[in-house]
Amino acid sequence: RFIHKESMTVQEVKGTLAKLLATENVVVEHRAVSTASFDVHRRVLTLPIWNAKEIVFNLLVAHEVGHALFTPDGDILDKLPCPKSYVNVTEDARIEKLMKRKFAGISKDFYGGYKQLHEDDFFSVKEINTNSLKLIDRINLHFKVGASAFIPFAADEQVFVTRTDEAETFDQVLQIAVDVYEFSKQEKEMEQVDVNVDIDQTTQGG
C-alpha cells in the first residue's frame, strides 16, 4: 500500500484540501499508518502513505474532515459503558451523512472510495460469511460499503441500523452505541444459555 515518492504531491494536495474543507488550519501529517485518523483534541489529521487511487484519498480526507467539523472534543467516551469502537462506528455514519449534506457532490467520493476499498478487500470480508460478524461490524460495513456487500440483519437488529441512519446529534450516536453493545451482550448471554442447555440435555441423555 505504500506510495512512491514521486506521487507524494497527491497527498500534499489532499492535505491542503483537508484544511480548506475543515475551515481551520488543522495539522495534516502523512505517515506509514494502517488508516487515516483525526485527533479531535490536538486537531491533527493523519493520512496514510498508500499506493492508492485518488478517489480513495478523496474519501479519507472527506471522512476525517467530517470528524474535524462535527465530532466534539471531550472525555465522555472514557465514561461510557461500551467500547469506544462502537461509538466510532455510529459516529462515522453520522459525520459522513452530515458531510454529504454540507458539500454538494461529495457523495461520489464516499461511494467511489469505499467501492475501491471493498474491491481491494480492505475490510477483510471477501473470504468470510458476513453473518458471522458481530452486529456492530455489520452496521459498520452497511454504512461504508452499502448494498454491494449484502449485509444481513435480523428484524430486531434492523432497528439499530435505522436509528444510526437517522442520528443527527452526537448524544444520539452515543446512546445507539451503548444500546447496540447491550443488545449484543444479551444476545451472547442467551446463546451461552442455549449451549449450556444442550450440553445438559446431552449429558442426561447419555
N, C-alpha and C. Protein backbone atom coordinates (compact mmCIF):
# COMPACT_ATOMS: atom_id res chain seq x y z
N ARG A 1 0.80 -1.21 0.00
CA ARG A 1 0.00 0.00 0.00
C ARG A 1 0.85 1.28 0.00
N PHE A 2 2.15 1.14 0.11
CA PHE A 2 2.98 2.34 0.22
C PHE A 2 3.10 3.04 -1.12
N ILE A 3 3.05 4.36 -1.06
CA ILE A 3 3.04 5.17 -2.27
C ILE A 3 4.47 5.54 -2.66
N HIS A 4 4.71 5.67 -3.96
CA HIS A 4 6.03 6.05 -4.43
C HIS A 4 6.30 7.53 -4.15
N LYS A 5 7.55 7.87 -4.01
CA LYS A 5 7.94 9.23 -3.65
C LYS A 5 7.42 10.26 -4.63
N GLU A 6 7.43 9.93 -5.96
CA GLU A 6 7.02 10.91 -6.95
C GLU A 6 5.52 11.21 -6.87
N SER A 7 4.75 10.37 -6.14
CA SER A 7 3.32 10.58 -6.02
C SER A 7 2.96 11.36 -4.76
N MET A 8 3.94 11.74 -4.00
CA MET A 8 3.66 12.45 -2.75
C MET A 8 2.90 13.74 -2.97
N THR A 9 3.03 14.36 -4.15
CA THR A 9 2.32 15.61 -4.40
C THR A 9 0.82 15.42 -4.29
N VAL A 10 0.32 14.23 -4.61
CA VAL A 10 -1.11 13.95 -4.46
C VAL A 10 -1.52 14.10 -3.01
N GLN A 11 -0.72 13.55 -2.11
CA GLN A 11 -1.03 13.66 -0.70
C GLN A 11 -0.95 15.10 -0.21
N GLU A 12 0.02 15.82 -0.72
CA GLU A 12 0.16 17.22 -0.32
C GLU A 12 -1.06 18.02 -0.74
N VAL A 13 -1.55 17.75 -1.94
CA VAL A 13 -2.76 18.43 -2.42
C VAL A 13 -3.94 18.07 -1.53
N LYS A 14 -4.05 16.80 -1.17
CA LYS A 14 -5.15 16.37 -0.31
C LYS A 14 -5.04 17.00 1.08
N GLY A 15 -3.83 17.20 1.54
CA GLY A 15 -3.64 17.85 2.83
C GLY A 15 -4.15 19.28 2.81
N THR A 16 -3.87 19.99 1.71
CA THR A 16 -4.36 21.36 1.56
C THR A 16 -5.87 21.37 1.45
N LEU A 17 -6.42 20.40 0.73
CA LEU A 17 -7.87 20.29 0.59
C LEU A 17 -8.52 20.06 1.95
N ALA A 18 -7.89 19.24 2.77
CA ALA A 18 -8.43 18.96 4.10
C ALA A 18 -8.54 20.24 4.92
N LYS A 19 -7.52 21.09 4.86
CA LYS A 19 -7.54 22.34 5.61
C LYS A 19 -8.67 23.26 5.13
N LEU A 20 -8.86 23.28 3.81
CA LEU A 20 -9.91 24.13 3.25
C LEU A 20 -11.29 23.65 3.66
N LEU A 21 -11.52 22.34 3.58
CA LEU A 21 -12.82 21.80 3.92
C LEU A 21 -13.10 21.93 5.41
N ALA A 22 -12.06 21.79 6.22
CA ALA A 22 -12.24 21.86 7.68
C ALA A 22 -12.41 23.28 8.17
N THR A 23 -12.17 24.26 7.30
CA THR A 23 -12.29 25.70 7.62
C THR A 23 -11.43 26.09 8.82
N GLU A 24 -10.34 25.38 9.01
CA GLU A 24 -9.39 25.74 10.06
C GLU A 24 -8.01 25.22 9.64
N ASN A 25 -7.00 25.70 10.27
CA ASN A 25 -5.64 25.30 9.91
C ASN A 25 -5.25 24.04 10.67
N VAL A 26 -5.93 22.94 10.37
CA VAL A 26 -5.60 21.68 11.02
C VAL A 26 -4.21 21.23 10.60
N VAL A 27 -3.56 20.48 11.48
CA VAL A 27 -2.26 19.92 11.15
C VAL A 27 -2.49 18.64 10.35
N VAL A 28 -1.86 18.54 9.19
CA VAL A 28 -2.00 17.35 8.35
C VAL A 28 -0.67 16.62 8.31
N GLU A 29 -0.69 15.35 8.70
CA GLU A 29 0.52 14.54 8.69
C GLU A 29 0.34 13.36 7.72
N HIS A 30 1.41 13.01 7.03
CA HIS A 30 1.43 11.86 6.13
C HIS A 30 2.37 10.83 6.75
N ARG A 31 1.78 9.70 7.19
CA ARG A 31 2.58 8.73 7.92
C ARG A 31 2.29 7.31 7.46
N ALA A 32 3.20 6.41 7.75
CA ALA A 32 3.02 4.99 7.42
C ALA A 32 2.14 4.34 8.48
N VAL A 33 0.84 4.59 8.38
CA VAL A 33 -0.12 4.05 9.33
C VAL A 33 -1.14 3.19 8.57
N SER A 34 -1.93 2.42 9.30
CA SER A 34 -2.86 1.48 8.67
C SER A 34 -4.08 2.15 8.06
N THR A 35 -4.45 3.33 8.57
CA THR A 35 -5.59 4.04 8.01
C THR A 35 -5.53 5.50 8.43
N ALA A 36 -6.46 6.30 7.91
CA ALA A 36 -6.49 7.72 8.25
C ALA A 36 -7.13 7.91 9.63
N SER A 37 -6.86 9.06 10.23
CA SER A 37 -7.46 9.35 11.53
C SER A 37 -7.46 10.85 11.78
N PHE A 38 -8.29 11.27 12.74
CA PHE A 38 -8.29 12.67 13.14
C PHE A 38 -8.35 12.75 14.66
N ASP A 39 -7.39 13.45 15.24
CA ASP A 39 -7.32 13.67 16.68
C ASP A 39 -8.13 14.93 16.99
N VAL A 40 -9.33 14.75 17.55
CA VAL A 40 -10.22 15.90 17.76
C VAL A 40 -9.68 16.87 18.81
N HIS A 41 -8.81 16.41 19.68
CA HIS A 41 -8.25 17.29 20.70
C HIS A 41 -7.05 18.07 20.18
N ARG A 42 -6.10 17.35 19.56
CA ARG A 42 -4.90 18.01 19.05
C ARG A 42 -5.11 18.64 17.69
N ARG A 43 -6.23 18.33 17.02
CA ARG A 43 -6.58 18.85 15.69
C ARG A 43 -5.54 18.42 14.66
N VAL A 44 -5.18 17.14 14.71
CA VAL A 44 -4.20 16.58 13.79
C VAL A 44 -4.89 15.54 12.90
N LEU A 45 -4.81 15.75 11.60
CA LEU A 45 -5.37 14.81 10.62
C LEU A 45 -4.22 14.02 10.03
N THR A 46 -4.29 12.71 10.17
CA THR A 46 -3.22 11.83 9.68
C THR A 46 -3.71 11.07 8.46
N LEU A 47 -2.96 11.17 7.36
CA LEU A 47 -3.26 10.43 6.15
C LEU A 47 -2.20 9.35 5.95
N PRO A 48 -2.62 8.14 5.60
CA PRO A 48 -1.65 7.05 5.40
C PRO A 48 -0.88 7.22 4.09
N ILE A 49 0.32 6.69 4.07
CA ILE A 49 1.13 6.71 2.85
C ILE A 49 0.81 5.43 2.09
N TRP A 50 -0.18 5.52 1.22
CA TRP A 50 -0.65 4.35 0.46
C TRP A 50 -0.40 4.53 -1.02
N ASN A 51 -0.26 3.44 -1.71
CA ASN A 51 -0.26 3.45 -3.16
C ASN A 51 -1.70 3.21 -3.61
N ALA A 52 -2.53 4.22 -3.44
CA ALA A 52 -3.96 4.09 -3.69
C ALA A 52 -4.43 5.10 -4.72
N LYS A 53 -5.60 4.83 -5.28
CA LYS A 53 -6.17 5.75 -6.26
C LYS A 53 -6.61 7.04 -5.59
N GLU A 54 -6.70 8.10 -6.40
CA GLU A 54 -7.05 9.41 -5.86
C GLU A 54 -8.42 9.40 -5.19
N ILE A 55 -9.37 8.62 -5.72
CA ILE A 55 -10.70 8.59 -5.14
C ILE A 55 -10.67 8.10 -3.70
N VAL A 56 -9.71 7.22 -3.39
CA VAL A 56 -9.57 6.73 -2.02
C VAL A 56 -9.09 7.84 -1.10
N PHE A 57 -8.14 8.64 -1.57
CA PHE A 57 -7.67 9.76 -0.76
C PHE A 57 -8.76 10.81 -0.60
N ASN A 58 -9.58 10.99 -1.63
CA ASN A 58 -10.72 11.90 -1.51
C ASN A 58 -11.64 11.45 -0.38
N LEU A 59 -11.89 10.14 -0.34
CA LEU A 59 -12.72 9.57 0.71
C LEU A 59 -12.11 9.81 2.09
N LEU A 60 -10.82 9.49 2.22
CA LEU A 60 -10.15 9.63 3.51
C LEU A 60 -10.21 11.07 4.02
N VAL A 61 -9.94 12.01 3.12
CA VAL A 61 -9.97 13.42 3.50
C VAL A 61 -11.38 13.83 3.91
N ALA A 62 -12.36 13.46 3.10
CA ALA A 62 -13.75 13.84 3.39
C ALA A 62 -14.20 13.26 4.73
N HIS A 63 -13.83 12.04 4.99
CA HIS A 63 -14.24 11.39 6.24
C HIS A 63 -13.62 12.07 7.46
N GLU A 64 -12.31 12.26 7.42
CA GLU A 64 -11.63 12.85 8.58
C GLU A 64 -12.00 14.31 8.79
N VAL A 65 -12.25 15.03 7.70
CA VAL A 65 -12.73 16.41 7.84
C VAL A 65 -14.10 16.40 8.51
N GLY A 66 -14.88 15.36 8.24
CA GLY A 66 -16.17 15.22 8.91
C GLY A 66 -16.01 15.18 10.42
N HIS A 67 -14.99 14.47 10.88
CA HIS A 67 -14.72 14.45 12.33
C HIS A 67 -14.28 15.82 12.81
N ALA A 68 -13.47 16.50 12.01
CA ALA A 68 -13.00 17.84 12.39
C ALA A 68 -14.16 18.82 12.55
N LEU A 69 -15.15 18.69 11.69
CA LEU A 69 -16.27 19.62 11.70
C LEU A 69 -17.36 19.25 12.70
N PHE A 70 -17.59 17.96 12.89
CA PHE A 70 -18.80 17.56 13.60
C PHE A 70 -18.61 16.74 14.87
N THR A 71 -17.43 16.15 15.08
CA THR A 71 -17.21 15.35 16.29
C THR A 71 -16.67 16.23 17.40
N PRO A 72 -17.38 16.33 18.53
CA PRO A 72 -16.93 17.21 19.62
C PRO A 72 -15.74 16.64 20.38
N ASP A 73 -14.97 17.52 21.00
CA ASP A 73 -13.84 17.12 21.82
C ASP A 73 -14.34 16.91 23.25
N GLY A 74 -13.75 15.98 23.94
CA GLY A 74 -14.15 15.73 25.33
C GLY A 74 -13.76 14.34 25.76
N ASP A 75 -13.91 14.08 27.06
CA ASP A 75 -13.52 12.79 27.62
C ASP A 75 -14.73 11.91 27.92
N ILE A 76 -15.87 12.22 27.33
CA ILE A 76 -17.09 11.48 27.64
C ILE A 76 -16.99 10.00 27.27
N LEU A 77 -16.17 9.69 26.24
CA LEU A 77 -16.04 8.30 25.82
C LEU A 77 -15.43 7.42 26.90
N ASP A 78 -14.63 8.02 27.78
CA ASP A 78 -13.99 7.26 28.84
C ASP A 78 -15.00 6.80 29.89
N LYS A 79 -16.18 7.42 29.89
CA LYS A 79 -17.19 7.11 30.91
C LYS A 79 -18.32 6.25 30.38
N LEU A 80 -18.29 5.92 29.11
CA LEU A 80 -19.38 5.15 28.51
C LEU A 80 -19.27 3.66 28.86
N PRO A 81 -20.42 2.99 29.05
CA PRO A 81 -20.41 1.55 29.35
C PRO A 81 -20.34 0.69 28.09
N CYS A 82 -19.55 1.12 27.13
CA CYS A 82 -19.35 0.34 25.91
C CYS A 82 -17.99 0.69 25.33
N PRO A 83 -17.42 -0.18 24.50
CA PRO A 83 -16.12 0.11 23.89
C PRO A 83 -16.19 1.34 22.99
N LYS A 84 -15.09 2.07 22.90
CA LYS A 84 -15.04 3.25 22.04
C LYS A 84 -15.26 2.88 20.57
N SER A 85 -14.88 1.67 20.21
CA SER A 85 -15.03 1.24 18.82
C SER A 85 -16.50 1.25 18.38
N TYR A 86 -17.41 1.05 19.32
CA TYR A 86 -18.83 1.09 18.98
C TYR A 86 -19.24 2.51 18.61
N VAL A 87 -18.74 3.47 19.36
CA VAL A 87 -19.04 4.88 19.06
C VAL A 87 -18.41 5.27 17.74
N ASN A 88 -17.21 4.76 17.46
CA ASN A 88 -16.55 5.07 16.19
C ASN A 88 -17.45 4.71 15.01
N VAL A 89 -18.12 3.57 15.10
CA VAL A 89 -18.98 3.11 14.01
C VAL A 89 -20.20 4.00 13.84
N THR A 90 -20.91 4.25 14.92
CA THR A 90 -22.13 5.06 14.82
C THR A 90 -21.82 6.51 14.48
N GLU A 91 -20.71 7.02 15.00
CA GLU A 91 -20.33 8.40 14.68
C GLU A 91 -19.86 8.54 13.25
N ASP A 92 -19.16 7.53 12.74
CA ASP A 92 -18.73 7.56 11.33
C ASP A 92 -19.93 7.73 10.40
N ALA A 93 -20.99 7.00 10.68
CA ALA A 93 -22.19 7.08 9.84
C ALA A 93 -22.78 8.49 9.90
N ARG A 94 -22.80 9.07 11.09
CA ARG A 94 -23.40 10.41 11.25
C ARG A 94 -22.59 11.48 10.54
N ILE A 95 -21.28 11.48 10.75
CA ILE A 95 -20.47 12.56 10.17
C ILE A 95 -20.40 12.47 8.65
N GLU A 96 -20.47 11.26 8.12
CA GLU A 96 -20.46 11.14 6.65
C GLU A 96 -21.78 11.64 6.07
N LYS A 97 -22.88 11.40 6.77
CA LYS A 97 -24.16 11.92 6.33
C LYS A 97 -24.14 13.46 6.34
N LEU A 98 -23.57 14.03 7.40
CA LEU A 98 -23.51 15.48 7.51
C LEU A 98 -22.58 16.10 6.47
N MET A 99 -21.51 15.39 6.14
CA MET A 99 -20.59 15.88 5.10
C MET A 99 -21.28 15.90 3.74
N LYS A 100 -22.04 14.85 3.43
CA LYS A 100 -22.78 14.81 2.16
C LYS A 100 -23.81 15.93 2.09
N ARG A 101 -24.36 16.26 3.22
CA ARG A 101 -25.36 17.33 3.28
C ARG A 101 -24.69 18.70 3.13
N LYS A 102 -23.50 18.85 3.67
CA LYS A 102 -22.83 20.16 3.67
C LYS A 102 -22.14 20.46 2.34
N PHE A 103 -21.56 19.43 1.73
CA PHE A 103 -20.79 19.64 0.50
C PHE A 103 -21.44 18.89 -0.67
N ALA A 104 -22.06 19.65 -1.54
CA ALA A 104 -22.73 19.04 -2.70
C ALA A 104 -21.71 18.32 -3.58
N GLY A 105 -22.02 17.12 -3.97
CA GLY A 105 -21.15 16.37 -4.86
C GLY A 105 -20.17 15.46 -4.18
N ILE A 106 -20.04 15.58 -2.85
CA ILE A 106 -19.03 14.77 -2.15
C ILE A 106 -19.47 13.32 -2.00
N SER A 107 -20.76 13.06 -2.22
CA SER A 107 -21.27 11.69 -2.10
C SER A 107 -20.53 10.73 -3.03
N LYS A 108 -20.17 11.22 -4.22
CA LYS A 108 -19.49 10.34 -5.18
C LYS A 108 -18.10 9.94 -4.69
N ASP A 109 -17.48 10.79 -3.87
CA ASP A 109 -16.17 10.44 -3.31
C ASP A 109 -16.30 9.34 -2.26
N PHE A 110 -17.35 9.44 -1.45
CA PHE A 110 -17.60 8.38 -0.47
C PHE A 110 -17.92 7.07 -1.19
N TYR A 111 -18.81 7.13 -2.15
CA TYR A 111 -19.22 5.92 -2.87
C TYR A 111 -18.04 5.29 -3.62
N GLY A 112 -17.33 6.10 -4.39
CA GLY A 112 -16.21 5.60 -5.18
C GLY A 112 -15.06 5.12 -4.33
N GLY A 113 -14.78 5.84 -3.25
CA GLY A 113 -13.68 5.46 -2.37
C GLY A 113 -13.94 4.14 -1.66
N TYR A 114 -15.13 4.00 -1.10
CA TYR A 114 -15.46 2.77 -0.40
C TYR A 114 -15.59 1.59 -1.37
N LYS A 115 -16.07 1.87 -2.58
CA LYS A 115 -16.17 0.82 -3.58
C LYS A 115 -14.78 0.27 -3.90
N GLN A 116 -13.81 1.17 -4.04
CA GLN A 116 -12.44 0.74 -4.33
C GLN A 116 -11.84 -0.02 -3.16
N LEU A 117 -12.05 0.47 -1.95
CA LEU A 117 -11.52 -0.22 -0.77
C LEU A 117 -12.13 -1.61 -0.63
N HIS A 118 -13.43 -1.71 -0.93
CA HIS A 118 -14.09 -3.01 -0.83
C HIS A 118 -13.54 -3.97 -1.88
N GLU A 119 -13.30 -3.47 -3.08
CA GLU A 119 -12.73 -4.30 -4.15
C GLU A 119 -11.33 -4.78 -3.77
N ASP A 120 -10.60 -3.94 -3.04
CA ASP A 120 -9.26 -4.31 -2.58
C ASP A 120 -9.30 -5.15 -1.31
N ASP A 121 -10.51 -5.44 -0.83
CA ASP A 121 -10.76 -6.21 0.41
C ASP A 121 -10.09 -5.55 1.62
N PHE A 122 -10.16 -4.24 1.67
CA PHE A 122 -9.59 -3.50 2.80
C PHE A 122 -10.24 -3.93 4.12
N PHE A 123 -11.53 -4.27 4.07
CA PHE A 123 -12.25 -4.65 5.28
C PHE A 123 -12.14 -6.14 5.60
N SER A 124 -11.41 -6.87 4.76
CA SER A 124 -11.13 -8.30 5.00
C SER A 124 -12.41 -9.12 5.21
N VAL A 125 -13.36 -8.97 4.28
CA VAL A 125 -14.63 -9.69 4.42
C VAL A 125 -14.95 -10.59 3.22
N LYS A 126 -14.11 -10.57 2.19
CA LYS A 126 -14.44 -11.33 0.99
C LYS A 126 -14.41 -12.83 1.20
N GLU A 127 -13.60 -13.29 2.13
CA GLU A 127 -13.45 -14.72 2.35
C GLU A 127 -14.20 -15.22 3.57
N ILE A 128 -15.10 -14.40 4.13
CA ILE A 128 -15.82 -14.83 5.32
C ILE A 128 -17.32 -14.68 5.10
N ASN A 129 -18.08 -15.35 5.93
CA ASN A 129 -19.54 -15.23 5.93
C ASN A 129 -19.91 -14.04 6.81
N THR A 130 -20.47 -13.00 6.21
CA THR A 130 -20.77 -11.78 6.99
C THR A 130 -21.80 -12.03 8.08
N ASN A 131 -22.56 -13.13 7.98
CA ASN A 131 -23.50 -13.47 9.05
C ASN A 131 -22.78 -13.73 10.36
N SER A 132 -21.50 -14.13 10.26
CA SER A 132 -20.74 -14.48 11.46
C SER A 132 -20.17 -13.25 12.16
N LEU A 133 -20.25 -12.11 11.54
CA LEU A 133 -19.69 -10.89 12.13
C LEU A 133 -20.58 -10.36 13.25
N LYS A 134 -19.97 -9.65 14.18
CA LYS A 134 -20.73 -9.01 15.25
C LYS A 134 -21.66 -7.95 14.64
N LEU A 135 -22.73 -7.64 15.35
CA LEU A 135 -23.70 -6.65 14.86
C LEU A 135 -23.03 -5.32 14.57
N ILE A 136 -22.16 -4.85 15.45
CA ILE A 136 -21.54 -3.54 15.25
C ILE A 136 -20.66 -3.54 14.00
N ASP A 137 -20.03 -4.67 13.69
CA ASP A 137 -19.20 -4.76 12.48
C ASP A 137 -20.07 -4.78 11.23
N ARG A 138 -21.22 -5.42 11.31
CA ARG A 138 -22.13 -5.43 10.17
C ARG A 138 -22.72 -4.04 9.92
N ILE A 139 -23.01 -3.33 11.01
CA ILE A 139 -23.50 -1.95 10.87
C ILE A 139 -22.44 -1.09 10.19
N ASN A 140 -21.20 -1.27 10.60
CA ASN A 140 -20.09 -0.52 10.01
C ASN A 140 -19.99 -0.78 8.51
N LEU A 141 -20.04 -2.05 8.13
CA LEU A 141 -19.95 -2.41 6.71
C LEU A 141 -21.14 -1.88 5.92
N HIS A 142 -22.31 -1.95 6.52
CA HIS A 142 -23.52 -1.47 5.85
C HIS A 142 -23.39 -0.01 5.44
N PHE A 143 -22.90 0.82 6.35
CA PHE A 143 -22.81 2.25 6.07
C PHE A 143 -21.60 2.62 5.23
N LYS A 144 -20.61 1.74 5.17
CA LYS A 144 -19.42 2.06 4.39
C LYS A 144 -19.46 1.48 2.97
N VAL A 145 -19.81 0.22 2.85
CA VAL A 145 -19.81 -0.38 1.51
C VAL A 145 -21.21 -0.57 0.95
N GLY A 146 -22.23 -0.40 1.78
CA GLY A 146 -23.60 -0.38 1.29
C GLY A 146 -24.12 -1.71 0.79
N ALA A 147 -25.08 -1.60 -0.13
CA ALA A 147 -25.80 -2.78 -0.62
C ALA A 147 -24.90 -3.77 -1.34
N SER A 148 -23.77 -3.31 -1.86
CA SER A 148 -22.90 -4.20 -2.63
C SER A 148 -22.34 -5.35 -1.80
N ALA A 149 -22.35 -5.18 -0.48
CA ALA A 149 -21.81 -6.24 0.39
C ALA A 149 -22.91 -7.17 0.90
N PHE A 150 -24.18 -6.82 0.66
CA PHE A 150 -25.32 -7.66 1.07
C PHE A 150 -25.23 -8.02 2.55
N ILE A 151 -25.15 -7.02 3.40
CA ILE A 151 -25.03 -7.24 4.83
C ILE A 151 -26.38 -7.66 5.41
N PRO A 152 -26.45 -8.80 6.09
CA PRO A 152 -27.72 -9.29 6.64
C PRO A 152 -28.01 -8.74 8.03
N PHE A 153 -29.30 -8.45 8.28
CA PHE A 153 -29.74 -8.01 9.60
C PHE A 153 -31.08 -8.66 9.93
N ALA A 154 -31.21 -9.15 11.15
CA ALA A 154 -32.49 -9.65 11.62
C ALA A 154 -33.38 -8.45 11.91
N ALA A 155 -34.69 -8.70 12.07
CA ALA A 155 -35.64 -7.61 12.27
C ALA A 155 -35.30 -6.77 13.51
N ASP A 156 -34.90 -7.43 14.60
CA ASP A 156 -34.58 -6.69 15.82
C ASP A 156 -33.24 -5.96 15.69
N GLU A 157 -32.38 -6.39 14.78
CA GLU A 157 -31.12 -5.70 14.54
C GLU A 157 -31.32 -4.50 13.62
N GLN A 158 -32.25 -4.60 12.70
CA GLN A 158 -32.51 -3.52 11.74
C GLN A 158 -32.91 -2.23 12.44
N VAL A 159 -33.47 -2.34 13.62
CA VAL A 159 -33.84 -1.16 14.42
C VAL A 159 -32.62 -0.28 14.65
N PHE A 160 -31.49 -0.89 14.96
CA PHE A 160 -30.27 -0.13 15.24
C PHE A 160 -29.69 0.48 13.96
N VAL A 161 -29.87 -0.20 12.84
CA VAL A 161 -29.42 0.34 11.56
C VAL A 161 -30.21 1.60 11.24
N THR A 162 -31.52 1.53 11.43
CA THR A 162 -32.38 2.69 11.16
C THR A 162 -32.05 3.85 12.09
N ARG A 163 -31.85 3.56 13.36
CA ARG A 163 -31.51 4.62 14.33
C ARG A 163 -30.18 5.28 13.98
N THR A 164 -29.22 4.46 13.56
CA THR A 164 -27.92 5.01 13.16
C THR A 164 -28.06 5.90 11.94
N ASP A 165 -28.86 5.47 11.00
CA ASP A 165 -29.09 6.24 9.78
C ASP A 165 -29.75 7.58 10.08
N GLU A 166 -30.62 7.61 11.07
CA GLU A 166 -31.39 8.82 11.38
C GLU A 166 -30.73 9.72 12.42
N ALA A 167 -29.63 9.28 13.04
CA ALA A 167 -28.98 10.07 14.10
C ALA A 167 -28.48 11.41 13.58
N GLU A 168 -28.78 12.47 14.31
CA GLU A 168 -28.35 13.82 13.93
C GLU A 168 -27.36 14.41 14.93
N THR A 169 -27.43 13.98 16.18
CA THR A 169 -26.59 14.57 17.22
C THR A 169 -25.59 13.55 17.77
N PHE A 170 -24.54 14.06 18.39
CA PHE A 170 -23.53 13.19 18.98
C PHE A 170 -24.11 12.42 20.15
N ASP A 171 -25.01 13.03 20.91
CA ASP A 171 -25.65 12.34 22.03
C ASP A 171 -26.45 11.13 21.53
N GLN A 172 -27.12 11.27 20.41
CA GLN A 172 -27.86 10.15 19.84
C GLN A 172 -26.90 9.03 19.44
N VAL A 173 -25.78 9.40 18.85
CA VAL A 173 -24.75 8.44 18.45
C VAL A 173 -24.26 7.64 19.65
N LEU A 174 -24.01 8.33 20.76
CA LEU A 174 -23.52 7.68 21.97
C LEU A 174 -24.54 6.67 22.49
N GLN A 175 -25.81 7.07 22.51
CA GLN A 175 -26.85 6.19 23.04
C GLN A 175 -27.03 4.96 22.16
N ILE A 176 -26.96 5.13 20.85
CA ILE A 176 -27.08 3.99 19.95
C ILE A 176 -25.93 3.01 20.18
N ALA A 177 -24.72 3.54 20.33
CA ALA A 177 -23.56 2.68 20.56
C ALA A 177 -23.74 1.86 21.83
N VAL A 178 -24.21 2.48 22.89
CA VAL A 178 -24.45 1.78 24.15
C VAL A 178 -25.54 0.72 23.97
N ASP A 179 -26.61 1.09 23.28
CA ASP A 179 -27.72 0.16 23.08
C ASP A 179 -27.31 -1.05 22.24
N VAL A 180 -26.52 -0.82 21.20
CA VAL A 180 -26.03 -1.92 20.38
C VAL A 180 -25.16 -2.86 21.21
N TYR A 181 -24.32 -2.28 22.03
CA TYR A 181 -23.44 -3.08 22.88
C TYR A 181 -24.25 -3.93 23.86
N GLU A 182 -25.25 -3.31 24.51
CA GLU A 182 -26.08 -4.03 25.47
C GLU A 182 -26.89 -5.13 24.79
N PHE A 183 -27.42 -4.82 23.62
CA PHE A 183 -28.18 -5.81 22.85
C PHE A 183 -27.29 -7.00 22.48
N SER A 184 -26.11 -6.72 22.00
CA SER A 184 -25.18 -7.78 21.58
C SER A 184 -24.75 -8.62 22.78
N LYS A 185 -24.56 -7.96 23.91
CA LYS A 185 -24.16 -8.68 25.12
C LYS A 185 -25.26 -9.63 25.58
N GLN A 186 -26.51 -9.18 25.50
CA GLN A 186 -27.64 -10.02 25.88
C GLN A 186 -27.78 -11.20 24.92
N GLU A 187 -27.57 -10.93 23.63
CA GLU A 187 -27.64 -12.00 22.63
C GLU A 187 -26.59 -13.07 22.92
N LYS A 188 -25.39 -12.63 23.26
CA LYS A 188 -24.31 -13.58 23.55
C LYS A 188 -24.62 -14.40 24.78
N GLU A 189 -25.20 -13.75 25.80
CA GLU A 189 -25.55 -14.45 27.03
C GLU A 189 -26.64 -15.50 26.76
N MET A 190 -27.60 -15.17 25.90
CA MET A 190 -28.67 -16.11 25.55
C MET A 190 -28.11 -17.30 24.78
N GLU A 191 -27.15 -17.03 23.90
CA GLU A 191 -26.52 -18.11 23.15
C GLU A 191 -25.78 -19.05 24.10
N GLN A 192 -25.14 -18.48 25.11
CA GLN A 192 -24.40 -19.28 26.07
C GLN A 192 -25.35 -20.16 26.88
N VAL A 193 -26.52 -19.60 27.21
CA VAL A 193 -27.53 -20.38 27.94
C VAL A 193 -28.00 -21.56 27.08
N ASP A 194 -28.23 -21.31 25.80
CA ASP A 194 -28.66 -22.37 24.88
C ASP A 194 -27.61 -23.47 24.80
N VAL A 195 -26.35 -23.08 24.74
CA VAL A 195 -25.26 -24.06 24.67
C VAL A 195 -25.24 -24.91 25.94
N ASN A 196 -25.39 -24.27 27.09
CA ASN A 196 -25.38 -24.99 28.36
C ASN A 196 -26.55 -25.96 28.46
N VAL A 197 -27.72 -25.53 27.97
CA VAL A 197 -28.88 -26.41 27.98
C VAL A 197 -28.64 -27.63 27.11
N ASP A 198 -28.08 -27.41 25.92
CA ASP A 198 -27.78 -28.52 25.02
C ASP A 198 -26.81 -29.50 25.65
N ILE A 199 -25.81 -28.97 26.33
CA ILE A 199 -24.81 -29.83 26.98
C ILE A 199 -25.47 -30.65 28.09
N ASP A 200 -26.33 -30.00 28.90
CA ASP A 200 -27.01 -30.68 29.98
C ASP A 200 -27.91 -31.79 29.44
N GLN A 201 -28.65 -31.48 28.37
CA GLN A 201 -29.55 -32.47 27.80
C GLN A 201 -28.77 -33.67 27.24
N THR A 202 -27.64 -33.36 26.63
CA THR A 202 -26.80 -34.43 26.08
C THR A 202 -26.26 -35.32 27.18
N THR A 203 -25.87 -34.69 28.28
CA THR A 203 -25.33 -35.44 29.41
C THR A 203 -26.39 -36.33 30.02
N GLN A 204 -27.61 -35.78 30.19
CA GLN A 204 -28.69 -36.53 30.79
C GLN A 204 -29.09 -37.68 29.87
N GLY A 205 -29.07 -37.41 28.56
CA GLY A 205 -29.48 -38.44 27.63
C GLY A 205 -28.48 -39.58 27.55
N GLY A 206 -27.21 -39.29 27.91
CA GLY A 206 -26.18 -40.33 27.81
C GLY A 206 -26.21 -41.21 29.02
